[in-house]
Amino acid sequence: MYDAILAQAQTENPIEPATGKRGRPKQSKATNLIGRLRNYSDDVWRFMTQPNVPFTNNLAEQTMRMPKVKQKGLGLLSNTARCQGLLKQGANIFESLVAAFKGAPPQPSFA
C-alpha cells in the first residue's frame, strides 16, 4: 500500500529531466519529499510501528549543543593565547603564519 501511494504521488509529481546544463535540475518540494520517503522507508516505518522511537531527534541535538559550543570556545581561546604569546615574544607574524601553513607552527614559551 505504501509503495502504491508513493508510485501515485510520483506520477502526479514527476522528476524533472536533465536539461543538459551542469548539475541536477531543481525539483519541486513534493518530488523531494517523495524521494526521501522512498529512500528512507525503513525509518518511516520504524517511527510508525515502534512507539518508543521519537518523532524527531531534537532531544539528541539539544544534548550535544552545549558541549560543542564550549569546545569551539575553548579552541578559540587557546589559539588566541598562542598568538598573543608569539606577539609578546616579538615573533614575525608573517613568518609564523607561513610556518603554520607548512605544518610546523611556532610554539611560544610561557616561561
Protein backbone atom coordinates (compact mmCIF):
# COMPACT_ATOMS: atom_id res chain seq x y z
CA MET A 1 0.00 0.00 0.00
CA TYR A 2 2.84 2.41 0.95
CA ASP A 3 4.65 1.77 -2.33
CA ALA A 4 1.42 2.24 -4.29
CA ILE A 5 0.83 5.62 -2.65
CA LEU A 6 4.39 6.70 -3.44
CA ALA A 7 4.03 5.49 -7.04
CA GLN A 8 0.83 7.52 -7.49
CA ALA A 9 2.50 10.57 -5.93
CA GLN A 10 5.46 10.12 -8.29
CA THR A 11 3.16 10.12 -11.34
CA GLU A 12 1.47 13.31 -10.11
CA ASN A 13 4.86 14.94 -9.36
CA PRO A 14 7.30 13.64 -11.98
CA ILE A 15 11.06 14.10 -11.70
CA GLU A 16 12.33 16.97 -13.84
CA PRO A 17 14.51 15.62 -16.69
CA ALA A 18 18.10 16.73 -17.14
CA THR A 19 18.44 19.94 -19.14
CA GLY A 20 21.96 19.40 -20.40
CA LYS A 21 23.35 22.01 -18.02
CA ARG A 22 25.74 21.17 -15.21
CA GLY A 23 24.29 19.80 -12.02
CA ARG A 24 20.96 18.28 -11.23
CA PRO A 25 17.75 20.02 -12.27
CA LYS A 26 15.78 21.66 -9.47
CA GLN A 27 12.93 19.51 -8.23
CA SER A 28 9.70 20.55 -6.50
CA LYS A 29 9.35 20.17 -2.74
CA ALA A 30 6.79 17.42 -3.28
CA THR A 31 9.16 15.47 -5.53
CA ASN A 32 11.98 15.80 -2.99
CA LEU A 33 9.68 14.60 -0.19
CA ILE A 34 8.56 11.59 -2.24
CA GLY A 35 12.20 10.67 -2.86
CA ARG A 36 13.05 10.92 0.83
CA LEU A 37 10.00 8.86 1.82
CA ARG A 38 11.07 6.19 -0.69
CA ASN A 39 14.79 6.21 0.24
CA TYR A 40 14.16 6.20 3.99
CA SER A 41 11.08 3.96 4.09
CA ASP A 42 12.64 1.74 6.79
CA ASP A 43 12.99 4.75 9.08
CA VAL A 44 9.44 5.94 8.32
CA TRP A 45 8.03 2.53 9.20
CA ARG A 46 10.22 2.28 12.30
CA PHE A 47 8.69 5.52 13.60
CA MET A 48 5.18 4.35 12.75
CA THR A 49 5.43 0.85 14.23
CA GLN A 50 7.62 1.36 17.31
CA PRO A 51 6.10 3.73 19.90
CA ASN A 52 9.41 4.28 21.71
CA VAL A 53 11.00 5.94 18.63
CA PRO A 54 10.63 9.74 18.92
CA PHE A 55 9.19 11.84 16.09
CA THR A 56 12.37 13.94 15.85
CA ASN A 57 15.93 13.70 17.10
CA ASN A 58 15.67 17.17 18.63
CA LEU A 59 16.49 15.89 22.13
CA ALA A 60 19.74 14.34 20.89
CA GLU A 61 20.68 17.57 19.11
CA GLN A 62 19.93 19.65 22.22
CA THR A 63 22.05 17.31 24.34
CA MET A 64 25.07 17.78 22.06
CA ARG A 65 24.70 21.53 21.55
CA MET A 66 26.33 22.91 24.72
CA PRO A 67 29.39 20.63 24.72
CA LYS A 68 30.09 21.54 21.09
CA VAL A 69 29.68 25.26 21.77
CA LYS A 70 32.05 25.03 24.72
CA GLN A 71 34.55 23.00 22.68
CA LYS A 72 34.56 25.64 19.94
CA GLY A 73 35.06 28.40 22.51
CA LEU A 74 38.00 26.65 24.16
CA GLY A 75 39.72 26.18 20.81
CA LEU A 76 39.37 29.87 20.09
CA LEU A 77 40.79 30.81 23.47
CA SER A 78 43.81 28.55 23.14
CA ASN A 79 44.58 29.84 19.64
CA THR A 80 44.21 33.43 20.83
CA ALA A 81 46.56 32.81 23.76
CA ARG A 82 49.10 31.19 21.44
CA CYS A 83 49.01 34.20 19.08
CA GLN A 84 49.34 36.64 21.97
CA GLY A 85 52.32 34.70 23.28
CA LEU A 86 54.01 34.93 19.89
CA LEU A 87 53.35 38.67 19.69
CA LYS A 88 54.80 39.27 23.17
CA GLN A 89 57.97 37.41 22.22
CA GLY A 90 58.42 39.63 19.15
CA ALA A 91 57.88 36.88 16.57
CA ASN A 92 57.43 37.84 12.94
CA ILE A 93 53.74 37.22 12.30
CA PHE A 94 54.15 36.60 8.56
CA GLU A 95 56.91 34.02 9.10
CA SER A 96 54.88 32.39 11.87
CA LEU A 97 51.86 32.06 9.55
CA VAL A 98 54.00 30.62 6.75
CA ALA A 99 55.48 28.08 9.17
CA ALA A 100 52.00 27.20 10.44
CA PHE A 101 50.72 26.53 6.90
CA LYS A 102 53.76 24.34 6.26
CA GLY A 103 52.76 22.24 9.25
CA ALA A 104 55.34 23.47 11.76
CA PRO A 105 53.66 26.22 13.78
CA PRO A 106 55.95 28.03 16.19
CA GLN A 107 55.26 27.39 19.85
CA PRO A 108 55.62 30.28 22.30
CA SER A 109 57.47 29.71 25.53
CA PHE A 110 55.34 30.68 28.51
CA ALA A 111 58.24 30.75 30.95
